[in-house]
């Protein structure tokens, strides 16, 4: 019985062990198998055929983006008309093998991860990709080179450009011909405030010149805009396309943005200018009324109106410039300020005489010593005033010589105005001349002869009657001064000439001899005595019969 029990336990133990072993085998069989993940490959196919695949990403650069970037770089090699296969090399780096063209263009980097994805070594993958790229580029260049096409496109573009330039030139020539044929219709001259600014001939010349300038600018713009297209045909010159466009677009953009930013200040400047302009118009109205003597102000002469208005206008415009200066573009820039200071220094150093003349002209205006049309004498210059400016006064002499005198000289010199008292309400200008007659002639006869001669003279006043003054009693003669009135001061030379002629005629009729102030001429072979102080001791006159006093 005991043996049976032992056999039973042994049998049960064996069964339990077998069951446990079977259970462990079953669990081992049902355990999931750990497999290597399958990576998706992205093809590099710049020319339709796939050269190789990219399986791994690099950092944030996905495998797909890597494949696209490699494809684009391989295409750039094909587009390079000067491609050299020897310049394509494999260069090792710290973590990869790089396929490089010309030492600076990295086509791709082969990493350990790329080799593990294909169960190959890094060297194998790099060499395979290198050979595939090199072989494909050589094949494409030999069979599908773009150089002939690019040269063809270039020739076609140049031909089109030439035709466009020729067409534009013909259009401008037609415009010139059209305008020239109708010059009488379009060119009538240009006048402003009765000032002939442009004659019809000058206006036509300016118009033709403007058309010519527009033509040249148009042709230059067309050529300039065509250059980016030409540069874009060849890969080596593509970079210049962006550069050329930047040369034009950047300044245009800056100018437009600068103008937009300047618009608020521009409106402010316009408002300020309008305020000053219409304020001056109001002042001008009162100035014109004062000048016409419709408005009278005590102590303010009508001829002061225009110069006073000119001063007010100058000061108003100067103040207006000061007000609008901060609103001008670039007024805060150091260069603008430096130029302003430089101009101010030049003006201060070089305009001292000009400012002195301007101040003198202002003083002369309010002193009123003469006006336009007056016959005056300044220093040794006599003549009619033909122009008064802020800097100079111009005088026309009786010999029709125009003499310019700086106002500072006028102010510092003595001026004589012969026209000041020649109005209708006055007797006129009193002019005079002197004759010397010996003591043997009665003074009454001389007075009568001088007055008769004066009354026969043209351009003198009959009333008041001319009169005679005896100005001196000298050793050998008496000085008689005839005085006549005239209201024609500008004709003094003619009046004096006529007066002298009439005096000669009148004295000849009266038998009166006009003596020389220094000697007496003898007739009939007689001799006379001459004071020693009139002739040198060694003087022996031959033309006249003179004898020294013994």
Protein backbone atom coordinates (compact mmCIF):
# COMPACT_ATOMS: atom_id res chain seq x y z
CA UNK A 1 0.00 0.00 0.00
CA UNK A 2 2.81 2.28 0.93
CA UNK A 3 4.63 1.55 -2.34
CA UNK A 4 1.57 2.36 -4.36
CA UNK A 5 1.29 5.72 -2.60
CA UNK A 6 4.90 6.56 -3.44
CA UNK A 7 4.42 5.61 -7.08
CA UNK A 8 1.36 7.76 -7.21
CA UNK A 9 3.16 10.82 -5.81
CA UNK A 10 6.06 10.34 -8.18
CA UNK A 11 3.73 10.04 -11.11
CA UNK A 12 1.83 13.15 -10.04
CA UNK A 13 5.08 15.10 -9.66
CA UNK A 14 6.19 14.11 -13.15
CA UNK A 15 2.83 15.16 -14.60
CA UNK A 16 3.01 18.52 -12.81
CA UNK A 17 6.53 19.14 -14.09
CA UNK A 18 5.47 18.30 -17.62
CA UNK A 19 2.50 20.60 -17.35
CA UNK A 20 4.64 23.42 -16.01
CA UNK A 21 7.19 22.97 -18.78
CA UNK A 22 4.43 22.93 -21.40
CA UNK A 23 2.97 26.09 -19.93
CA UNK A 24 6.34 27.86 -20.06
CA UNK A 25 6.85 26.80 -23.66
CA UNK A 26 3.46 28.11 -24.53
CA UNK A 27 4.15 31.45 -22.86
CA UNK A 28 7.49 31.67 -24.61
CA UNK A 29 5.80 30.97 -27.92
CA UNK A 30 3.07 33.64 -27.39
CA UNK A 31 5.63 36.44 -26.42
CA UNK A 32 5.63 39.26 -29.16
CA UNK A 33 8.75 39.46 -31.31
CA UNK A 34 10.76 42.78 -31.21
CA UNK A 35 11.38 43.79 -34.86
CA UNK A 36 13.40 46.62 -36.34
CA UNK A 37 11.22 49.56 -37.56
CA UNK A 38 10.85 49.96 -41.31
CA UNK A 39 11.89 53.52 -42.56
CA UNK A 40 10.27 55.20 -45.57
CA UNK A 41 12.67 56.27 -48.25
CA UNK A 42 12.26 59.54 -50.20
CA UNK A 43 13.70 59.52 -53.71
CA UNK A 44 16.28 61.94 -55.09
CA UNK A 45 15.16 62.29 -58.71
CA UNK A 46 16.27 65.56 -60.32
CA UNK A 47 15.81 64.14 -63.81
CA UNK A 48 12.80 61.78 -63.40
CA UNK A 49 14.99 58.71 -62.73
CA UNK A 50 15.64 58.04 -59.04
CA UNK A 51 19.33 58.21 -58.11
CA UNK A 52 18.96 56.98 -54.49
CA UNK A 53 16.73 57.27 -51.44
CA UNK A 54 16.99 59.25 -48.22
CA UNK A 55 15.68 57.49 -45.08
CA UNK A 56 16.77 59.51 -42.07
CA UNK A 57 16.24 63.01 -40.84
CA UNK A 58 18.96 65.32 -39.54
CA UNK A 59 17.82 67.32 -36.53
CA UNK A 60 14.62 69.14 -37.51
CA UNK A 61 15.39 68.55 -41.19
CA UNK A 62 13.08 65.69 -42.21
CA UNK A 63 14.04 62.96 -44.67
CA UNK A 64 11.61 64.38 -47.23
CA UNK A 65 13.09 67.87 -46.96
CA UNK A 66 16.57 66.40 -47.20
CA UNK A 67 15.63 64.62 -50.42
CA UNK A 68 14.14 67.81 -51.90
CA UNK A 69 17.20 69.86 -50.95
CA UNK A 70 19.59 67.29 -52.48
CA UNK A 71 17.47 67.20 -55.64
CA UNK A 72 17.60 71.00 -56.00
CA UNK A 73 21.37 71.06 -55.52
CA UNK A 74 21.92 68.33 -58.10
CA UNK A 75 19.78 70.32 -60.55
CA UNK A 76 21.94 73.38 -59.92
CA UNK A 77 24.96 71.38 -61.05
CA UNK A 78 23.21 70.57 -64.29
CA UNK A 79 22.30 74.22 -64.83
CA UNK A 80 25.94 75.19 -64.44
CA UNK A 81 27.23 75.44 -67.99
CA UNK A 82 30.81 75.26 -66.72
CA UNK A 83 30.33 72.02 -64.75
CA UNK A 84 33.56 70.09 -64.08
CA UNK A 85 33.23 66.49 -62.92
CA UNK A 86 36.63 66.62 -61.20
CA UNK A 87 35.31 69.31 -58.84
CA UNK A 88 32.83 66.79 -57.35
CA UNK A 89 34.49 65.10 -54.35
CA UNK A 90 33.84 63.18 -51.12
CA UNK A 91 35.23 65.01 -48.09
CA UNK A 92 35.18 63.45 -44.59
CA UNK A 93 33.99 65.55 -41.64
CA UNK A 94 33.68 64.86 -37.93
CA UNK A 95 30.34 63.01 -38.10
CA UNK A 96 29.77 62.33 -41.77
CA UNK A 97 31.11 62.02 -45.29
CA UNK A 98 30.16 65.03 -47.40
CA UNK A 99 29.70 65.09 -51.17
CA UNK A 100 30.98 68.57 -52.16
CA UNK A 101 31.24 70.47 -55.43
CA UNK A 102 34.05 73.03 -55.85
CA UNK A 103 34.82 72.94 -52.16
CA UNK A 104 31.87 75.08 -51.00
CA UNK A 105 28.62 73.53 -52.27
CA UNK A 106 27.64 70.57 -50.00
CA UNK A 107 25.28 68.40 -52.01
CA UNK A 108 24.60 65.97 -49.13
CA UNK A 109 26.06 64.49 -45.96
CA UNK A 110 26.07 60.69 -45.39
CA UNK A 111 25.59 59.86 -41.70
CA UNK A 112 25.90 56.61 -39.76
CA UNK A 113 22.12 56.53 -39.54
CA UNK A 114 21.90 56.53 -43.35
CA UNK A 115 24.30 53.58 -43.49
CA UNK A 116 22.41 51.67 -40.77
CA UNK A 117 19.12 52.16 -42.61
CA UNK A 118 20.51 50.30 -45.60
CA UNK A 119 22.74 47.87 -43.66
CA UNK A 120 25.80 49.25 -45.41
CA UNK A 121 28.81 51.24 -44.38
CA UNK A 122 29.01 55.03 -44.63
CA UNK A 123 31.77 54.74 -47.21
CA UNK A 124 29.67 52.50 -49.42
CA UNK A 125 26.65 54.79 -49.29
CA UNK A 126 28.74 57.92 -49.95
CA UNK A 127 30.57 56.34 -52.89
CA UNK A 128 27.36 54.99 -54.38
CA UNK A 129 25.61 58.37 -54.18
CA UNK A 130 28.70 60.16 -55.46
CA UNK A 131 28.90 57.93 -58.53
CA UNK A 132 25.16 58.20 -59.19
CA UNK A 133 25.23 62.01 -59.09
CA UNK A 134 28.36 62.31 -61.20
CA UNK A 135 27.15 59.84 -63.80
CA UNK A 136 23.74 61.47 -64.09
CA UNK A 137 25.10 65.02 -64.47
CA UNK A 138 27.55 63.92 -67.17
CA UNK A 139 24.78 62.05 -68.98
CA UNK A 140 22.41 65.01 -68.86
CA UNK A 141 25.08 67.46 -70.06
CA UNK A 142 26.00 65.22 -72.95
CA UNK A 143 22.42 64.64 -74.07
CA UNK A 144 20.34 67.54 -72.82
CA UNK A 145 22.70 70.53 -72.43
CA UNK A 146 20.91 73.86 -71.75
CA UNK A 147 23.67 76.07 -73.17
CA UNK A 148 22.32 76.14 -76.77
CA UNK A 149 18.84 76.89 -75.46
CA UNK A 150 20.12 79.68 -73.25
CA UNK A 151 22.09 81.17 -76.09
CA UNK A 152 18.99 80.96 -78.26
CA UNK A 153 16.85 82.62 -75.59
CA UNK A 154 19.48 85.33 -75.21
CA UNK A 155 19.59 86.03 -78.95
CA UNK A 156 15.78 86.07 -79.11
CA UNK A 157 15.52 88.46 -76.16
CA UNK A 158 18.12 90.79 -77.64
CA UNK A 159 16.26 90.75 -80.96
CA UNK A 160 12.97 91.58 -79.24
CA UNK A 161 14.70 94.33 -77.25
CA UNK A 162 16.13 95.84 -80.43
CA UNK A 163 12.72 95.80 -82.12
CA UNK A 164 11.09 97.42 -79.08
CA UNK A 165 13.74 100.15 -78.94
CA UNK A 166 13.35 100.79 -82.66
CA UNK A 167 9.57 100.95 -82.31
CA UNK A 168 9.77 103.37 -79.37
CA UNK A 169 12.24 105.59 -81.26
CA UNK A 170 9.91 105.72 -84.25
CA UNK A 171 7.02 106.71 -81.98
CA UNK A 172 8.99 109.64 -80.55
CA UNK A 173 10.16 110.69 -84.02
CA UNK A 174 6.54 110.68 -85.16
CA UNK A 175 5.58 112.84 -82.16
CA UNK A 176 8.34 115.33 -83.01
CA UNK A 177 7.21 115.50 -86.65
CA UNK A 178 3.59 115.97 -85.61
CA UNK A 179 4.48 118.79 -83.22
CA UNK A 180 6.82 120.48 -85.74
CA UNK A 181 4.12 120.53 -88.43
CA UNK A 182 1.66 122.21 -86.06
CA UNK A 183 4.07 124.63 -84.37
CA UNK A 184 1.82 127.63 -85.08
CA UNK A 185 -0.98 125.94 -83.15
CA UNK A 186 0.97 124.82 -80.10
CA UNK A 187 3.74 127.42 -79.77
CA UNK A 188 2.49 130.94 -79.20
CA UNK A 189 5.10 131.98 -76.64
CA UNK A 190 4.72 132.24 -72.90
CA UNK A 191 4.20 135.48 -70.99
CA UNK A 192 3.73 136.18 -67.31
CA UNK A 193 2.66 139.57 -65.99
CA UNK A 194 3.43 141.19 -69.37
CA UNK A 195 6.90 139.64 -69.31
CA UNK A 196 7.79 137.64 -72.42
CA UNK A 197 9.33 134.57 -70.79
CA UNK A 198 9.57 132.38 -73.90
CA UNK A 199 9.34 133.28 -77.55
CA UNK A 200 7.56 130.79 -79.87
CA UNK A 201 10.96 129.64 -81.19
CA UNK A 202 12.36 129.10 -77.70
CA UNK A 203 9.17 127.36 -76.62
CA UNK A 204 9.43 124.97 -79.57
CA UNK A 205 13.10 124.33 -78.78
CA UNK A 206 12.30 123.55 -75.12
CA UNK A 207 9.43 121.26 -76.12
CA UNK A 208 11.61 119.33 -78.57
CA UNK A 209 14.36 119.05 -75.98
CA UNK A 210 11.88 117.71 -73.40
CA UNK A 211 10.59 115.12 -75.89
CA UNK A 212 14.18 114.07 -76.59
CA UNK A 213 14.93 113.70 -72.88
CA UNK A 214 11.77 111.61 -72.35
CA UNK A 215 12.80 109.43 -75.27
CA UNK A 216 16.27 108.77 -73.86
CA UNK A 217 14.87 108.06 -70.38
CA UNK A 218 12.29 105.65 -71.85
CA UNK A 219 14.93 103.74 -73.80
CA UNK A 220 17.17 103.50 -70.73
CA UNK A 221 14.27 102.22 -68.60
CA UNK A 222 13.40 99.56 -71.20
CA UNK A 223 17.00 98.35 -71.36
CA UNK A 224 17.31 98.44 -67.58
CA UNK A 225 14.17 96.34 -67.11
CA UNK A 226 15.38 93.85 -69.73
CA UNK A 227 18.72 93.22 -68.00
CA UNK A 228 17.20 91.08 -65.19
CA UNK A 229 15.66 88.80 -67.83
CA UNK A 230 19.00 88.42 -69.58
CA UNK A 231 20.85 87.75 -66.34
CA UNK A 232 18.23 85.22 -65.28
CA UNK A 233 18.92 83.02 -68.31
CA UNK A 234 22.40 81.98 -67.13
CA UNK A 235 22.86 80.60 -63.59
CA UNK A 236 26.15 82.43 -63.13
CA UNK A 237 24.44 85.80 -63.55
CA UNK A 238 21.20 85.08 -61.70
CA UNK A 239 22.52 86.75 -58.58
CA UNK A 240 22.77 90.05 -60.47
CA UNK A 241 19.04 89.99 -61.19
CA UNK A 242 18.14 90.67 -57.57
CA UNK A 243 20.92 93.22 -57.27
CA UNK A 244 19.74 95.22 -60.28
CA UNK A 245 16.15 95.19 -59.09
CA UNK A 246 17.27 96.33 -55.63
CA UNK A 247 19.16 99.25 -57.15
CA UNK A 248 15.88 100.52 -58.57
CA UNK A 249 13.21 99.30 -56.19
CA UNK A 250 15.00 100.25 -52.96
CA UNK A 251 15.37 103.98 -53.80
CA UNK A 252 11.83 104.08 -55.22
CA UNK A 253 10.46 102.45 -52.09
CA UNK A 254 12.43 104.80 -49.87
CA UNK A 255 11.24 107.82 -51.85
CA UNK A 256 7.60 106.72 -51.74
CA UNK A 257 7.70 105.94 -48.02
CA UNK A 258 9.54 109.18 -47.33
CA UNK A 259 6.90 111.13 -49.26
CA UNK A 260 4.08 109.35 -47.42
CA UNK A 261 5.71 110.13 -44.09
CA UNK A 262 6.19 113.75 -45.21
CA UNK A 263 2.53 114.28 -46.17
CA UNK A 264 1.37 115.58 -42.72
CA UNK A 265 4.23 118.10 -42.67
CA UNK A 266 3.49 119.01 -46.29
CA UNK A 267 -0.10 119.95 -45.45
CA UNK A 268 1.17 122.00 -42.50
CA UNK A 269 3.60 123.86 -44.78
CA UNK A 270 0.82 124.51 -47.33
CA UNK A 271 -1.43 125.99 -44.62
CA UNK A 272 1.39 128.23 -43.34
CA UNK A 273 2.22 129.43 -46.87
CA UNK A 274 -1.44 130.20 -47.61
CA UNK A 275 -1.80 132.19 -44.38
CA UNK A 276 1.26 134.34 -45.17
CA UNK A 277 0.30 134.71 -48.84
CA UNK A 278 -3.21 136.01 -48.22
CA UNK A 279 -2.00 138.19 -45.34
CA UNK A 280 0.40 139.86 -47.77
CA UNK A 281 -2.42 140.28 -50.30
CA UNK A 282 -4.43 142.20 -47.69
CA UNK A 283 -1.42 144.38 -46.89
CA UNK A 284 -0.83 144.89 -50.63
CA UNK A 285 -4.36 146.26 -51.02
CA UNK A 286 -3.75 148.99 -48.44
CA UNK A 287 -0.30 149.71 -49.92
CA UNK A 288 -1.80 150.26 -53.39
CA UNK A 289 -4.44 152.57 -51.94
CA UNK A 290 -1.77 154.60 -50.14
CA UNK A 291 0.32 154.72 -53.30
CA UNK A 292 -2.70 156.04 -55.25
CA UNK A 293 -3.28 158.53 -52.40
CA UNK A 294 -6.78 157.16 -51.81
CA UNK A 295 -5.69 156.57 -48.22
CA UNK A 296 -3.57 159.25 -46.55
CA UNK A 297 -1.54 158.73 -43.41
CA UNK A 298 -0.01 161.74 -41.67
CA UNK A 299 3.77 161.74 -41.96
CA UNK A 300 3.78 158.83 -44.43
CA UNK A 301 4.47 159.78 -48.04
CA UNK A 302 2.85 157.87 -50.86
CA UNK A 303 6.19 157.07 -52.50
CA UNK A 304 7.14 155.20 -49.33
CA UNK A 305 4.36 152.68 -49.87
CA UNK A 306 6.07 150.30 -52.32
CA UNK A 307 9.49 150.16 -50.63
CA UNK A 308 7.81 149.69 -47.25
CA UNK A 309 5.75 146.84 -48.67
CA UNK A 310 8.90 145.27 -50.12
CA UNK A 311 10.50 145.37 -46.66
CA UNK A 312 7.39 143.89 -45.04
CA UNK A 313 7.23 141.18 -47.68
CA UNK A 314 10.89 140.31 -47.22
CA UNK A 315 10.54 140.08 -43.45
CA UNK A 316 7.31 138.06 -43.79
CA UNK A 317 8.92 135.52 -46.12
CA UNK A 318 11.97 135.28 -43.86
CA UNK A 319 9.73 134.63 -40.85
CA UNK A 320 7.72 132.11 -42.88
CA UNK A 321 10.90 130.17 -43.72
CA UNK A 322 11.82 130.12 -40.04
CA UNK A 323 8.38 128.75 -39.18
CA UNK A 324 8.33 126.01 -41.84
CA UNK A 325 12.00 125.04 -41.42
CA UNK A 326 11.32 122.34 -38.77
CA UNK A 327 8.76 120.72 -41.09
CA UNK A 328 11.19 120.32 -44.00
CA UNK A 329 12.53 116.79 -44.64
CA UNK A 330 16.03 116.35 -43.32
CA UNK A 331 16.01 119.53 -41.25
CA UNK A 332 17.17 117.55 -38.22
CA UNK A 333 20.04 115.85 -40.02
CA UNK A 334 23.58 116.96 -39.10
CA UNK A 335 24.46 117.40 -42.79
CA UNK A 336 21.55 119.80 -43.35
CA UNK A 337 22.51 121.80 -40.28
CA UNK A 338 26.17 121.86 -41.30
CA UNK A 339 25.33 123.15 -44.78
CA UNK A 340 23.05 125.82 -43.29
CA UNK A 341 25.80 127.02 -40.97
CA UNK A 342 28.35 126.99 -43.82
CA UNK A 343 26.06 129.04 -46.09
CA UNK A 344 25.40 131.46 -43.23
CA UNK A 345 29.14 131.97 -42.64
CA UNK A 346 29.77 132.54 -46.35
CA UNK A 347 26.92 135.03 -46.52
CA UNK A 348 28.21 136.88 -43.44
CA UNK A 349 31.80 137.07 -44.71
CA UNK A 350 31.08 137.89 -48.32
CA UNK A 351 28.11 140.24 -48.07
CA UNK A 352 29.33 143.04 -45.80
CA UNK A 353 29.49 145.55 -48.68
CA UNK A 354 26.21 144.31 -50.08
CA UNK A 355 24.49 144.71 -46.70
CA UNK A 356 26.00 148.19 -46.33
CA UNK A 357 24.57 149.13 -49.74
CA UNK A 358 21.19 147.63 -48.85
CA UNK A 359 21.02 149.60 -45.60
CA UNK A 360 22.10 152.73 -47.45
CA UNK A 361 19.42 152.11 -50.08
CA UNK A 362 16.82 151.79 -47.33
CA UNK A 363 17.97 155.03 -45.73
CA UNK A 364 17.96 156.84 -49.08
CA UNK A 365 14.42 155.64 -49.74
CA UNK A 366 13.11 157.26 -46.56
CA UNK A 367 15.32 160.35 -46.91
CA UNK A 368 13.69 161.01 -50.30
CA UNK A 369 16.59 163.04 -51.76
CA UNK A 370 15.54 162.17 -55.32
CA UNK A 371 13.26 159.94 -57.33
CA UNK A 372 13.23 158.27 -60.73
CA UNK A 373 13.42 160.88 -63.50
CA UNK A 374 15.07 163.60 -61.40
CA UNK A 375 18.16 165.36 -62.73
CA UNK A 376 20.73 165.20 -59.94
CA UNK A 377 24.42 165.56 -59.22
CA UNK A 378 26.31 163.12 -56.97
CA UNK A 379 29.95 164.00 -56.53
CA UNK A 380 31.22 164.80 -60.01
CA UNK A 381 28.46 162.90 -61.80
CA UNK A 382 25.39 164.71 -63.15
CA UNK A 383 22.49 163.11 -64.92
CA UNK A 384 18.96 161.72 -64.82
CA UNK A 385 18.05 159.01 -62.32
CA UNK A 386 16.93 155.99 -64.35
CA UNK A 387 16.93 153.27 -61.68
CA UNK A 388 16.93 152.90 -57.90
CA UNK A 389 17.54 149.45 -56.46
CA UNK A 390 18.35 148.08 -53.04
CA UNK A 391 22.07 148.07 -53.89
CA UNK A 392 22.81 150.76 -56.49
CA UNK A 393 21.53 153.93 -58.12
CA UNK A 394 21.93 154.35 -61.88
CA UNK A 395 22.30 157.76 -63.53
CA UNK A 396 22.22 158.61 -67.24
CA UNK A 397 24.38 161.61 -68.09
CA UNK A 398 23.57 164.17 -70.83
CA UNK A 399 26.07 162.24 -72.97
CA UNK A 400 23.88 159.11 -72.51
CA UNK A 401 26.42 157.39 -70.28
CA UNK A 402 24.83 155.07 -67.73
CA UNK A 403 26.78 155.32 -64.48
CA UNK A 404 26.18 152.94 -61.56
CA UNK A 405 26.83 154.32 -58.10
CA UNK A 406 26.67 152.09 -54.98
CA UNK A 407 24.09 153.32 -52.49
CA UNK A 408 26.72 153.50 -49.75
CA UNK A 409 28.61 156.04 -51.92
CA UNK A 410 25.39 157.96 -52.58
CA UNK A 411 24.66 158.15 -48.86
CA UNK A 412 28.16 159.34 -47.99
CA UNK A 413 28.30 161.94 -50.79
CA UNK A 414 26.58 165.26 -51.26
CA UNK A 415 23.75 165.03 -53.77
CA UNK A 416 22.16 167.93 -55.62
CA UNK A 417 18.63 167.59 -56.97
CA UNK A 418 17.94 169.99 -59.85
CA UNK A 419 14.37 168.68 -60.35
CA UNK A 420 13.05 169.09 -56.83
CA UNK A 421 11.57 172.61 -57.42
CA UNK A 422 10.40 172.37 -61.01
CA UNK A 423 6.73 171.66 -60.38
CA UNK A 424 3.95 173.86 -61.74
CA UNK A 425 3.46 175.54 -58.38
CA UNK A 426 7.10 176.78 -58.22
CA UNK A 427 9.18 179.24 -60.22
CA UNK A 428 11.49 176.46 -61.33
CA UNK A 429 15.21 175.88 -61.24
CA UNK A 430 17.41 178.99 -61.27
CA UNK A 431 20.43 178.53 -63.54
CA UNK A 432 23.14 181.12 -64.12
CA UNK A 433 26.29 181.95 -66.03
CA UNK A 434 28.92 184.68 -65.59
CA UNK A 435 30.62 187.11 -68.01
CA UNK A 436 33.43 189.58 -67.24
CA UNK A 437 33.30 193.07 -68.78
CA UNK A 438 35.72 195.94 -68.40
CA UNK A 439 35.01 199.01 -66.30
CA UNK A 440 34.71 201.21 -69.34
CA UNK A 441 31.26 199.76 -70.25
CA UNK A 442 28.24 201.11 -68.25
CA UNK A 443 26.69 198.42 -66.13
CA UNK A 444 23.15 199.32 -67.21
CA UNK A 445 23.98 198.50 -70.82
CA UNK A 446 25.41 195.17 -69.74
CA UNK A 447 22.30 194.32 -67.67
CA UNK A 448 20.05 195.18 -70.59
CA UNK A 449 22.06 193.05 -73.04
CA UNK A 450 22.15 190.05 -70.68
CA UNK A 451 18.41 190.16 -69.98
CA UNK A 452 17.59 190.44 -73.69
CA UNK A 453 19.80 187.45 -74.41
CA UNK A 454 18.17 185.43 -71.61
CA UNK A 455 14.63 186.16 -72.85
CA UNK A 456 15.54 184.83 -76.29
CA UNK A 457 16.77 181.53 -74.86
CA UNK A 458 14.62 178.41 -75.33
CA UNK A 459 13.16 176.42 -72.40
CA UNK A 460 13.38 179.24 -69.85
CA UNK A 461 10.52 180.87 -67.97
CA UNK A 462 9.53 184.38 -69.04
CA UNK A 463 8.19 185.04 -65.58
CA UNK A 464 9.78 185.64 -63.20
CA UNK A 465 11.94 187.87 -65.41
CA UNK A 466 15.65 186.97 -65.60
CA UNK A 467 17.89 189.19 -63.47
CA UNK A 468 21.54 190.12 -63.25
CA UNK A 469 23.86 190.04 -60.22
CA UNK A 470 27.28 191.74 -60.14
CA UNK A 471 29.26 189.14 -58.22
CA UNK A 472 32.71 190.78 -58.06
CA UNK A 473 34.76 193.89 -58.85
CA UNK A 474 38.15 192.61 -59.94
CA UNK A 475 41.30 194.46 -61.02
CA UNK A 476 40.51 194.58 -64.71
CA UNK A 477 36.86 193.66 -65.02
CA UNK A 478 33.47 193.33 -63.36
CA UNK A 479 31.76 189.88 -63.07
CA UNK A 480 28.12 189.91 -64.19
CA UNK A 481 25.93 186.86 -63.43
CA UNK A 482 22.75 186.35 -65.45
CA UNK A 483 20.07 184.24 -63.66
CA UNK A 484 17.16 182.59 -65.47
CA UNK A 485 14.38 180.22 -64.39
CA UNK A 486 13.64 176.92 -66.13
CA UNK A 487 11.47 173.88 -65.54
CA UNK A 488 13.53 171.67 -67.82
CA UNK A 489 16.44 170.63 -65.57
CA UNK A 490 17.33 167.64 -67.73
CA UNK A 491 18.06 169.99 -70.66
CA UNK A 492 20.55 172.19 -68.83
CA UNK A 493 23.38 171.61 -71.33
CA UNK A 494 21.16 172.80 -74.21
CA UNK A 495 19.85 175.75 -72.20
CA UNK A 496 23.37 176.89 -71.30
CA UNK A 497 24.53 176.52 -74.90
CA UNK A 498 21.60 178.55 -76.21
CA UNK A 499 22.07 181.19 -73.49
CA UNK A 500 25.75 181.62 -74.32
CA UNK A 501 24.98 181.97 -78.01
CA UNK A 502 22.37 184.63 -77.33
CA UNK A 503 24.75 186.52 -75.00
CA UNK A 504 27.37 186.63 -77.77
CA UNK A 505 24.84 187.86 -80.29
CA UNK A 506 23.39 190.44 -77.90
CA UNK A 507 26.83 191.83 -76.92
CA UNK A 508 27.95 192.00 -80.54
CA UNK A 509 24.88 194.06 -81.42
CA UNK A 510 25.51 196.35 -78.42
CA UNK A 511 29.23 196.65 -79.24
CA UNK A 512 30.30 195.28 -75.86
CA UNK A 513 33.50 193.25 -75.63
CA UNK A 514 33.61 190.19 -73.36
CA UNK A 515 37.02 190.29 -71.70
CA UNK A 516 39.32 187.46 -70.76
CA UNK A 517 39.76 187.29 -66.99
CA UNK A 518 43.58 187.23 -67.20
CA UNK A 519 44.74 189.47 -70.06
CA UNK A 520 43.63 191.95 -72.66
CA UNK A 521 44.16 191.39 -76.36
CA UNK A 522 45.23 194.51 -78.32
CA UNK A 523 44.46 195.26 -81.91
CA UNK A 524 45.91 197.77 -84.43
CA UNK A 525 49.52 197.02 -83.37
CA UNK A 526 49.30 198.79 -80.01
CA UNK A 527 50.98 197.49 -76.89
CA UNK A 528 49.67 197.05 -73.40
CA UNK A 529 51.01 196.05 -70.03
CA UNK A 530 50.30 192.72 -68.34
CA UNK A 531 50.83 192.13 -64.62
CA UNK A 532 53.82 189.96 -63.80
CA UNK A 533 51.73 187.45 -61.86
CA UNK A 534 49.88 186.45 -65.05
CA UNK A 535 52.85 185.57 -67.28
CA UNK A 536 56.12 183.81 -66.63
CA UNK A 537 59.27 185.94 -67.00
CA UNK A 538 60.54 183.89 -69.91
CA UNK A 539 57.23 183.82 -71.76
CA UNK A 540 57.45 185.56 -75.13
CA UNK A 541 54.02 185.40 -76.76
CA UNK A 542 54.07 185.37 -80.50
CA UNK A 543 50.43 184.95 -81.38
CA UNK A 544 49.48 188.19 -79.66
CA UNK A 545 51.28 191.50 -79.22
CA UNK A 546 51.92 191.51 -75.47
CA UNK A 547 54.37 193.60 -73.49
CA UNK A 548 55.52 193.14 -69.92
CA UNK A 549 55.14 195.90 -67.42
CA UNK A 550 58.53 197.64 -66.85
